[in-house]
Every structure is written in C-alpha cells, then in structure tokens.
Amino acid sequence: MSKWTNFEKIAALVAVVVLLAGVGWYVWQQTSITGAFTLPSGGSVSVTVDSSSPLPGLLVADTPDDKWLAVFRLAARGEAQNLRMFRITNDGAKNTIRTYMFYSDRDGHGNRVNPFLIGIVPGGQVGTLCVPPGMVKIPENDFVRITVGIILMPVDGYVVENDALLQLTVENPSRDVQTEGTMSGDAIYGDLSGSQDASRHYVFKSIPIANLAPSSPSGNLIVSASTPIAVFGLAADLAGDITFIKKTPPDSANIQDNYIIFNLSYYLNDVSQENTGEALIKFLNKSDGTVLGSALVTLKPGSDYVTSAALVFDLNSLRLPAGAYRNVEVRMNTIQFEDPGDWVLVWLQEKNENIGWGIAGNGNYQHGDILFRGDIYAHKLVKAQ
C-alpha cells in the first residue's frame, strides 16, 4: 500500500484550510447580517384581509371606473419572496363582474410605493393573476397589500339584478396565493388560515344618499303646533331616479311599502298628567311644501325616552331624479315641551330595516346599516329659559 508523499499531504492540508475558511466566511456573513447563523430555508406567507379594506357598501353598476373592493395583506416570513400568483373568488351573485384589476403597494425591489396596476384579468366567479418575475417583492418579515378592483356588468334585470350580492374572498390561501423564495427558489403557498373574506357589497342601477341638511334647525326648541325639528337631505345617484312610492291599499297589486324610519329621543321635564298623550309628526318635501306623510308618537314625561316615527308616504310619493337632491323636513307638535330644559332629538339609525326605497318606481330595497352608517343625527333642540 502506497504512502502519501509530502506534496500530497501539503495539498490535502491546503484544501482543508480553504474549506474551513469558506465555511467561516459564510458564518461571518450570516451573523453580521442577521445576528444569528441560519442556513437558508424555504419561508412562509400568510394571507389576511387588511384593516384598510373597504367597509360594506352599495355599488352603482353603470359606471366605467373600477371600484376598489378589497385589500389583502400578504406577509412573508423566513425569507424575502416574489409574488407569482394571486387568485380571487366572488362568493356572491354570478355574472356581476366584467373585469378584475389588481394593484400592489410594493415594487419589484420591495420598496413601498403608491398602489400600481400589476394585472388585469377577465371577470367571472374566479380571477387568477399570474405575476411576472420581479414585479412584486415582499421583504422578509414584512408585507405587501394587494388591492382588488373590479369593473361591473350593467344591471339589466335579467343577468344582473338590483341588490345582487358581491363579496371578494381568497377562498383557500394554500391554493390561491403563491410566492417564490428569493434565496431558496422554493415555491411557497399561503398558510392554512382558512378563507379570507372581504366586506359584502350590493350592486344597483342607482342608489340613494342621505345626510343632515345644512338648514336643519339648532338651538332653541320652539313651542308650537308644527315646529321644524330636523331636516334631512336625500339625493339620487347620477345613474338613475330613486323613488319612495305612496303606500297603496293592501289589496292593490302595486303596493311598494317604501318608507323611512326616524328615531326620536326626547325629555319632558313636567311630569303632570296633562303632559302625557300623543304628538303629531309630519314629514314634508321642503322644496314644495308637500306633506309626504304623518305619524303619531306617544310621549311620556319624567325621563329620557326613545321612540320612532315611520314615514310611509301615505299622503304623497317622493321622486328623486338622477343626480337631484331633496330636503325632507320633520315637523312636530311641541306644545307639551313647555318647560325649560325639555328637549328633542331626531336621527336616522344605522339599521338595515330602517329604510325601504325603490329605483324608478320599482322595488323596496333596504341597507339602512350602510346608508345611515354611523347614525345621522339632527341637532338637539332644547327649550330655553
């Protein structure tokens, strides 16, 4: 058996030294960057609905602009990652979406930027975006926001009907999101966090808008048989007329039952028996003085009370032409509010069933929780000294 020559022994020793030097350099690189030595390994990506994602809303279909409906947060762990695929599903009514549009707030270098368009795909129940390499990079231990916008199909009453539900979701993150590790080169799929559902939206040909009118009274509560206590503004979107149809007899085939419910808080300081009873409330179209309807509310003295009065358009209908604005004035018999400190307050409550409205004379749609979001308060009126 042959022995190693001195030259071979020296060559082997040099090779070992070089190998150890290489390993030492790699360890120094890792510890100087991260503070700890870790061998490169595949990362993970989590998918959630971002806090900036829009709240539930009503959408007007017949407009050409894209509507941003959902924002998803993709967070990278373990290593930086390039986004390669993102799939969105509409859990709502079929055939409502013409086009999906995707935006990112990270560029190909991982820099935070204003959201820019990264892809457009045809509509349908599912939209799958394949992202070119180097377009969107998620830094390690950081995140990217992916915004999904849509262009709607028109509401025609056949394929797409008014009040069609639309909800965007990443139905299965482990299937619907794919990234690529920048160091490992591994294909990385979303974690097993379950379906990530953005807010529910509803599609219409036109929608109403409600607010407190600038002319709504404030300050002193006037005592009279017909005192203005609030004025609310109602408007129709430019896309079409909004209607509140006069309530017809129950045996009519054309009954619409459109309505608005007004909440009323009040305080009667005088607890004497004569201050109990009913007060008449009238609702007027302030633009022409037409009385739209009336209601009776029962008043109780001695404490703060909340009641409600329904405007059912039993006297006259209200039509809001496309783009038009009308004021609805609330008047009340305040004869019983005669003592200093008596007060009254009207508001539209954020509650789904607190409104029923139509489009061009048809339908009885609700969504008061969206139209009256945050509650729309008139001014508190207080009987002066």
Protein backbone atom coordinates (compact mmCIF):
# COMPACT_ATOMS: atom_id res chain seq x y z
CA MET A 1 0.00 0.00 0.00
CA SER A 2 1.48 3.32 -1.11
CA LYS A 3 2.11 6.15 1.33
CA TRP A 4 1.24 9.82 0.71
CA THR A 5 4.09 11.93 -0.49
CA ASN A 6 4.92 15.15 1.27
CA PHE A 7 3.46 17.07 -1.66
CA GLU A 8 0.13 15.22 -1.38
CA LYS A 9 -0.03 15.85 2.37
CA ILE A 10 0.56 19.58 1.83
CA ALA A 11 -2.09 19.73 -0.91
CA ALA A 12 -4.66 17.98 1.30
CA LEU A 13 -3.91 20.34 4.18
CA VAL A 14 -4.36 23.38 1.94
CA ALA A 15 -7.72 22.03 0.72
CA VAL A 16 -8.96 21.59 4.30
CA VAL A 17 -7.83 25.11 5.21
CA VAL A 18 -9.62 26.57 2.19
CA LEU A 19 -12.82 24.67 3.04
CA LEU A 20 -12.78 25.82 6.65
CA ALA A 21 -12.10 29.39 5.54
CA GLY A 22 -15.11 29.25 3.21
CA VAL A 23 -17.41 27.95 5.95
CA GLY A 24 -16.09 30.59 8.35
CA TRP A 25 -16.73 33.37 5.84
CA TYR A 26 -20.33 32.20 5.29
CA VAL A 27 -20.97 32.04 9.05
CA TRP A 28 -19.50 35.55 9.47
CA GLN A 29 -21.74 36.84 6.66
CA GLN A 30 -24.84 35.34 8.24
CA THR A 31 -24.13 36.52 11.77
CA SER A 32 -23.13 40.01 10.65
CA ILE A 33 -26.42 40.44 8.78
CA THR A 34 -28.95 38.65 10.99
CA GLY A 35 -27.12 38.34 14.31
CA ALA A 36 -27.57 34.56 14.21
CA PHE A 37 -26.38 31.78 11.98
CA THR A 38 -29.16 30.10 9.96
CA LEU A 39 -28.89 28.02 6.86
CA PRO A 40 -31.14 29.22 4.02
CA SER A 41 -34.53 27.51 4.04
CA GLY A 42 -37.96 27.99 2.48
CA GLY A 43 -40.19 30.67 4.00
CA SER A 44 -43.93 31.04 4.52
CA VAL A 45 -46.56 33.58 3.53
CA SER A 46 -49.69 34.43 5.49
CA VAL A 47 -52.83 35.93 3.93
CA THR A 48 -55.30 38.18 5.78
CA VAL A 49 -57.80 40.93 4.99
CA ASP A 50 -56.03 44.25 5.60
CA SER A 51 -57.55 46.77 8.01
CA SER A 52 -57.71 49.29 5.15
CA SER A 53 -60.09 47.08 3.15
CA PRO A 54 -63.35 48.94 2.35
CA LEU A 55 -66.42 48.60 4.57
CA PRO A 56 -69.66 47.12 3.19
CA GLY A 57 -71.14 49.34 0.52
CA LEU A 58 -73.66 49.89 -2.24
CA LEU A 59 -72.24 49.89 -5.77
CA VAL A 60 -73.59 51.62 -8.87
CA ALA A 61 -73.04 49.26 -11.78
CA ASP A 62 -73.44 51.58 -14.75
CA THR A 63 -70.16 53.46 -14.33
CA PRO A 64 -66.95 52.75 -16.27
CA ASP A 65 -64.47 53.25 -13.41
CA ASP A 66 -63.04 50.34 -11.46
CA LYS A 67 -64.13 50.04 -7.85
CA TRP A 68 -61.59 49.02 -5.19
CA LEU A 69 -63.45 46.49 -3.06
CA ALA A 70 -60.86 44.51 -1.12
CA VAL A 71 -57.34 44.82 0.26
CA PHE A 72 -55.43 41.71 1.27
CA ARG A 73 -52.19 41.59 3.28
CA LEU A 74 -49.54 39.05 2.29
CA ALA A 75 -46.82 38.73 4.95
CA ALA A 76 -43.52 36.96 4.20
CA ARG A 77 -41.64 35.00 6.84
CA GLY A 78 -38.27 33.24 6.68
CA GLU A 79 -37.06 34.96 3.51
CA ALA A 80 -37.99 37.63 1.01
CA GLN A 81 -40.42 36.45 -1.63
CA ASN A 82 -41.60 37.36 -5.11
CA LEU A 83 -45.36 37.18 -5.72
CA ARG A 84 -46.10 34.78 -8.56
CA MET A 85 -49.84 34.05 -8.42
CA PHE A 86 -52.94 35.52 -6.77
CA ARG A 87 -56.46 34.15 -7.18
CA ILE A 88 -59.68 35.91 -6.12
CA THR A 89 -63.18 34.45 -5.89
CA ASN A 90 -66.55 36.22 -5.91
CA ASP A 91 -68.73 34.48 -3.34
CA GLY A 92 -71.77 36.49 -4.46
CA ALA A 93 -74.09 36.54 -7.45
CA LYS A 94 -72.80 35.20 -10.74
CA ASN A 95 -72.04 37.34 -13.81
CA THR A 96 -71.71 40.61 -11.88
CA ILE A 97 -68.01 41.22 -12.61
CA ARG A 98 -66.75 42.17 -16.06
CA THR A 99 -63.07 42.66 -15.15
CA TYR A 100 -60.71 42.15 -12.21
CA MET A 101 -57.88 44.62 -11.66
CA PHE A 102 -55.01 44.02 -9.21
CA TYR A 103 -52.78 46.60 -7.53
CA SER A 104 -49.67 46.33 -5.34
CA ASP A 105 -48.02 48.74 -2.91
CA ARG A 106 -44.60 47.02 -3.26
CA ASP A 107 -42.48 47.20 -6.40
CA GLY A 108 -40.06 44.61 -7.75
CA HIS A 109 -37.34 45.75 -5.31
CA GLY A 110 -39.59 45.53 -2.27
CA ASN A 111 -39.93 49.29 -1.92
CA ARG A 112 -43.19 50.68 -0.53
CA VAL A 113 -44.93 52.65 -3.31
CA ASN A 114 -48.33 54.05 -4.14
CA PRO A 115 -50.56 51.19 -5.38
CA PHE A 116 -49.87 50.50 -9.04
CA LEU A 117 -51.61 48.20 -11.50
CA ILE A 118 -49.95 44.80 -11.75
CA GLY A 119 -52.51 42.97 -13.87
CA ILE A 120 -55.97 42.77 -15.43
CA VAL A 121 -57.90 39.54 -15.92
CA PRO A 122 -61.39 38.77 -17.28
CA GLY A 123 -64.29 38.72 -14.83
CA GLY A 124 -66.39 35.80 -13.69
CA GLN A 125 -66.63 33.95 -10.39
CA VAL A 126 -62.83 33.50 -10.23
CA GLY A 127 -59.98 35.74 -11.35
CA THR A 128 -56.44 34.34 -11.42
CA LEU A 129 -53.47 36.68 -11.84
CA CYS A 130 -50.05 35.31 -12.84
CA VAL A 131 -47.43 37.83 -11.77
CA PRO A 132 -44.25 38.18 -13.89
CA PRO A 133 -40.95 37.64 -12.05
CA GLY A 134 -39.51 40.78 -10.50
CA MET A 135 -42.77 42.79 -10.42
CA VAL A 136 -43.75 42.45 -6.73
CA LYS A 137 -41.27 41.62 -3.97
CA ILE A 138 -42.26 41.08 -0.34
CA PRO A 139 -39.33 41.82 2.01
CA GLU A 140 -38.55 39.27 4.68
CA ASN A 141 -40.67 39.71 7.82
CA ASP A 142 -42.73 42.40 6.08
CA PHE A 143 -45.86 42.54 3.95
CA VAL A 144 -47.44 43.75 0.73
CA ARG A 145 -51.01 44.97 0.27
CA ILE A 146 -52.79 43.59 -2.79
CA THR A 147 -55.85 45.65 -3.72
CA VAL A 148 -58.53 44.12 -5.91
CA GLY A 149 -60.66 46.40 -8.05
CA ILE A 150 -63.49 45.42 -10.35
CA ILE A 151 -65.49 46.72 -13.29
CA LEU A 152 -69.13 45.66 -13.03
CA MET A 153 -71.52 44.33 -15.61
CA PRO A 154 -74.59 46.57 -16.13
CA VAL A 155 -77.75 45.88 -14.16
CA ASP A 156 -80.26 44.70 -16.78
CA GLY A 157 -82.79 42.94 -14.55
CA TYR A 158 -82.06 39.59 -16.17
CA VAL A 159 -78.40 38.60 -16.00
CA VAL A 160 -77.63 41.07 -13.21
CA GLU A 161 -80.42 42.22 -10.91
CA ASN A 162 -80.59 45.07 -8.43
CA ASP A 163 -79.36 44.15 -4.93
CA ALA A 164 -77.01 41.46 -6.28
CA LEU A 165 -74.51 40.39 -3.62
CA LEU A 166 -70.80 40.70 -4.33
CA GLN A 167 -68.09 39.52 -1.92
CA LEU A 168 -64.44 39.01 -2.80
CA THR A 169 -62.53 36.32 -0.97
CA VAL A 170 -59.25 34.46 -1.02
CA GLU A 171 -61.12 31.21 -0.66
CA ASN A 172 -58.17 28.90 0.05
CA PRO A 173 -54.85 30.70 0.71
CA SER A 174 -52.87 27.47 0.40
CA ARG A 175 -54.15 27.15 -3.17
CA ASP A 176 -54.84 30.75 -4.20
CA VAL A 177 -51.59 32.53 -3.28
CA GLN A 178 -48.14 31.52 -4.49
CA THR A 179 -44.80 33.22 -3.97
CA GLU A 180 -41.20 32.28 -4.72
CA GLY A 181 -38.39 32.50 -2.19
CA THR A 182 -35.65 34.84 -3.37
CA MET A 183 -32.91 32.76 -1.69
CA SER A 184 -34.30 29.23 -1.69
CA GLY A 185 -36.09 29.49 -5.03
CA ASP A 186 -38.87 27.42 -3.47
CA ALA A 187 -42.50 27.77 -4.47
CA ILE A 188 -44.32 28.96 -1.34
CA TYR A 189 -48.08 28.76 -0.89
CA GLY A 190 -50.33 30.62 1.51
CA ASP A 191 -50.74 29.24 5.00
CA LEU A 192 -53.72 27.23 6.19
CA SER A 193 -55.52 30.19 7.77
CA GLY A 194 -58.82 29.46 6.01
CA SER A 195 -60.99 31.64 3.79
CA GLN A 196 -60.23 35.36 3.94
CA ASP A 197 -63.45 37.23 3.19
CA ALA A 198 -63.62 40.94 2.38
CA SER A 199 -66.76 43.00 3.02
CA ARG A 200 -70.09 42.31 1.37
CA HIS A 201 -71.25 44.77 -1.29
CA TYR A 202 -74.52 45.13 -3.18
CA VAL A 203 -74.93 46.11 -6.82
CA PHE A 204 -77.62 48.54 -8.03
CA LYS A 205 -78.51 50.56 -11.08
CA SER A 206 -78.75 53.63 -8.81
CA ILE A 207 -78.64 54.33 -5.07
CA PRO A 208 -79.85 57.00 -2.63
CA ILE A 209 -77.59 59.13 -0.44
CA ALA A 210 -78.69 60.52 2.95
CA ASN A 211 -77.25 63.26 5.16
CA LEU A 212 -78.20 66.03 7.56
CA ALA A 213 -79.23 69.12 5.61
CA PRO A 214 -77.40 72.39 6.40
CA SER A 215 -80.80 74.01 7.00
CA SER A 216 -81.65 71.63 9.86
CA PRO A 217 -82.62 73.74 12.92
CA SER A 218 -80.45 74.01 16.01
CA GLY A 219 -80.52 75.71 19.40
CA ASN A 220 -83.85 76.66 20.95
CA LEU A 221 -86.86 74.35 20.80
CA ILE A 222 -89.85 76.42 19.68
CA VAL A 223 -93.17 75.51 21.25
CA SER A 224 -95.91 75.34 18.61
CA ALA A 225 -98.39 73.03 16.92
CA SER A 226 -95.99 72.46 13.98
CA THR A 227 -92.33 73.07 14.83
CA PRO A 228 -89.50 72.11 12.45
CA ILE A 229 -87.24 69.77 14.46
CA ALA A 230 -85.00 68.31 11.74
CA VAL A 231 -84.21 68.46 8.02
CA PHE A 232 -82.53 65.55 6.25
CA GLY A 233 -81.17 65.56 2.72
CA LEU A 234 -81.86 62.78 0.24
CA ALA A 235 -80.14 62.53 -3.14
CA ALA A 236 -80.14 60.14 -6.07
CA ASP A 237 -77.01 58.92 -7.80
CA LEU A 238 -76.44 60.28 -11.31
CA ALA A 239 -77.17 56.83 -12.73
CA GLY A 240 -80.93 56.86 -12.16
CA ASP A 241 -84.04 58.01 -10.29
CA ILE A 242 -84.69 56.99 -6.70
CA THR A 243 -88.31 56.73 -5.58
CA PHE A 244 -90.36 56.45 -2.42
CA ILE A 245 -93.80 55.43 -3.65
CA LYS A 246 -97.04 56.40 -1.94
CA LYS A 247 -98.35 53.47 0.04
CA THR A 248 -101.39 51.97 -1.68
CA PRO A 249 -104.20 49.92 -0.12
CA PRO A 250 -103.30 46.35 0.89
CA ASP A 251 -105.50 44.90 -1.85
CA SER A 252 -103.58 46.75 -4.57
CA ALA A 253 -101.17 44.83 -6.80
CA ASN A 254 -98.87 47.87 -6.93
CA ILE A 255 -98.07 48.13 -3.23
CA GLN A 256 -94.45 49.15 -2.66
CA ASP A 257 -94.32 49.89 1.06
CA ASN A 258 -91.40 52.32 0.68
CA TYR A 259 -90.61 54.02 3.96
CA ILE A 260 -88.09 55.79 6.21
CA ILE A 261 -87.97 55.30 9.98
CA PHE A 262 -86.91 58.30 12.07
CA ASN A 263 -85.78 57.77 15.66
CA LEU A 264 -86.82 60.36 18.24
CA SER A 265 -85.23 60.98 21.63
CA TYR A 266 -86.88 63.44 23.97
CA TYR A 267 -87.22 64.64 27.56
CA LEU A 268 -90.29 66.17 29.19
CA ASN A 269 -89.49 67.85 32.49
CA ASP A 270 -93.10 68.26 33.60
CA VAL A 271 -94.49 65.02 35.00
CA SER A 272 -98.05 66.27 35.38
CA GLN A 273 -100.82 64.21 33.83
CA GLU A 274 -101.68 66.81 31.19
CA ASN A 275 -98.28 66.33 29.58
CA THR A 276 -98.99 62.75 28.60
CA GLY A 277 -100.56 61.82 25.31
CA GLU A 278 -99.69 61.84 21.63
CA ALA A 279 -97.86 64.27 19.40
CA LEU A 280 -98.36 64.56 15.67
CA ILE A 281 -95.29 64.41 13.44
CA LYS A 282 -95.44 65.49 9.80
CA PHE A 283 -92.92 64.90 7.03
CA LEU A 284 -92.69 67.47 4.25
CA ASN A 285 -90.91 67.75 0.93
CA LYS A 286 -89.33 71.07 1.79
CA SER A 287 -88.79 72.08 -1.83
CA ASP A 288 -92.53 72.46 -2.47
CA GLY A 289 -94.16 72.06 0.94
CA THR A 290 -95.93 68.83 0.01
CA VAL A 291 -96.82 66.71 3.03
CA LEU A 292 -95.45 63.22 2.41
CA GLY A 293 -96.91 61.54 5.46
CA SER A 294 -97.59 61.77 9.17
CA ALA A 295 -97.30 59.71 12.32
CA LEU A 296 -98.42 59.85 15.95
CA VAL A 297 -95.93 59.24 18.76
CA THR A 298 -96.82 58.64 22.39
CA LEU A 299 -94.98 60.90 24.84
CA LYS A 300 -94.07 60.04 28.41
CA PRO A 301 -92.79 62.63 30.90
CA GLY A 302 -90.14 62.44 33.56
CA SER A 303 -87.21 60.68 31.87
CA ASP A 304 -85.23 60.35 28.64
CA TYR A 305 -87.17 58.28 26.13
CA VAL A 306 -86.55 56.94 22.65
CA THR A 307 -89.32 56.24 20.18
CA SER A 308 -89.65 56.13 16.42
CA ALA A 309 -91.90 57.52 13.71
CA ALA A 310 -92.31 55.89 10.31
CA LEU A 311 -92.74 57.90 7.15
CA VAL A 312 -94.66 55.51 4.89
CA PHE A 313 -95.50 58.09 2.20
CA ASP A 314 -99.20 57.59 2.90
CA LEU A 315 -100.05 61.05 1.54
CA ASN A 316 -97.63 61.64 -1.34
CA SER A 317 -94.74 59.91 -3.09
CA LEU A 318 -91.24 61.33 -3.36
CA ARG A 319 -89.20 61.06 -6.55
CA LEU A 320 -85.53 61.99 -6.67
CA PRO A 321 -84.48 62.48 -10.30
CA ALA A 322 -81.00 61.22 -11.20
CA GLY A 323 -78.46 63.50 -9.55
CA ALA A 324 -81.14 65.54 -7.73
CA TYR A 325 -81.24 66.50 -4.03
CA ARG A 326 -84.34 66.99 -1.90
CA ASN A 327 -84.85 68.02 1.73
CA VAL A 328 -87.28 66.16 3.95
CA GLU A 329 -88.42 68.32 6.85
CA VAL A 330 -89.66 66.76 10.09
CA ARG A 331 -92.27 68.85 11.94
CA MET A 332 -93.70 68.07 15.37
CA ASN A 333 -96.41 69.34 17.69
CA THR A 334 -94.26 70.55 20.59
CA ILE A 335 -96.98 72.17 22.69
CA GLN A 336 -96.20 69.78 25.54
CA PHE A 337 -92.49 70.74 25.55
CA GLU A 338 -93.22 73.89 27.52
CA ASP A 339 -90.77 73.71 30.42
CA PRO A 340 -87.17 74.95 30.29
CA GLY A 341 -84.84 72.01 29.71
CA ASP A 342 -87.33 69.96 27.67
CA TRP A 343 -85.61 68.74 24.54
CA VAL A 344 -85.99 66.65 21.39
CA LEU A 345 -83.52 64.97 19.01
CA VAL A 346 -84.17 63.17 15.70
CA TRP A 347 -81.79 60.78 13.97
CA LEU A 348 -81.56 58.13 11.26
CA GLN A 349 -80.29 54.95 12.86
CA GLU A 350 -77.69 52.65 11.30
CA LYS A 351 -80.04 49.71 10.93
CA ASN A 352 -80.74 47.61 7.84
CA GLU A 353 -84.53 47.70 8.02
CA ASN A 354 -84.86 51.44 8.74
CA ILE A 355 -85.41 52.36 5.09
CA GLY A 356 -87.20 50.92 2.08
CA TRP A 357 -86.53 52.61 -1.28
CA GLY A 358 -87.08 51.97 -4.95
CA ILE A 359 -85.47 52.67 -8.33
CA ALA A 360 -87.62 54.40 -10.96
CA GLY A 361 -90.81 53.34 -9.19
CA ASN A 362 -89.88 49.70 -8.60
CA GLY A 363 -88.51 47.72 -5.68
CA ASN A 364 -88.26 48.04 -1.93
CA TYR A 365 -84.57 47.84 -1.05
CA GLN A 366 -83.12 48.38 2.42
CA HIS A 367 -79.48 48.59 3.65
CA GLY A 368 -80.06 51.27 6.27
CA ASP A 369 -76.95 49.93 8.01
CA ILE A 370 -74.94 51.26 5.03
CA LEU A 371 -76.96 54.33 4.03
CA PHE A 372 -77.17 55.59 7.64
CA ARG A 373 -73.72 54.36 8.70
CA GLY A 374 -72.58 55.92 11.96
CA ASP A 375 -76.15 57.22 12.57
CA ILE A 376 -77.16 60.56 11.06
CA TYR A 377 -78.08 62.93 13.88
CA ALA A 378 -80.01 66.16 13.67
CA HIS A 379 -79.28 68.90 16.24
CA LYS A 380 -80.62 68.59 19.77
CA LEU A 381 -83.25 71.29 20.34
CA VAL A 382 -83.67 72.48 23.95
CA LYS A 383 -86.45 74.65 25.36
CA ALA A 384 -84.82 77.83 26.58
CA GLN A 385 -85.45 79.55 29.91
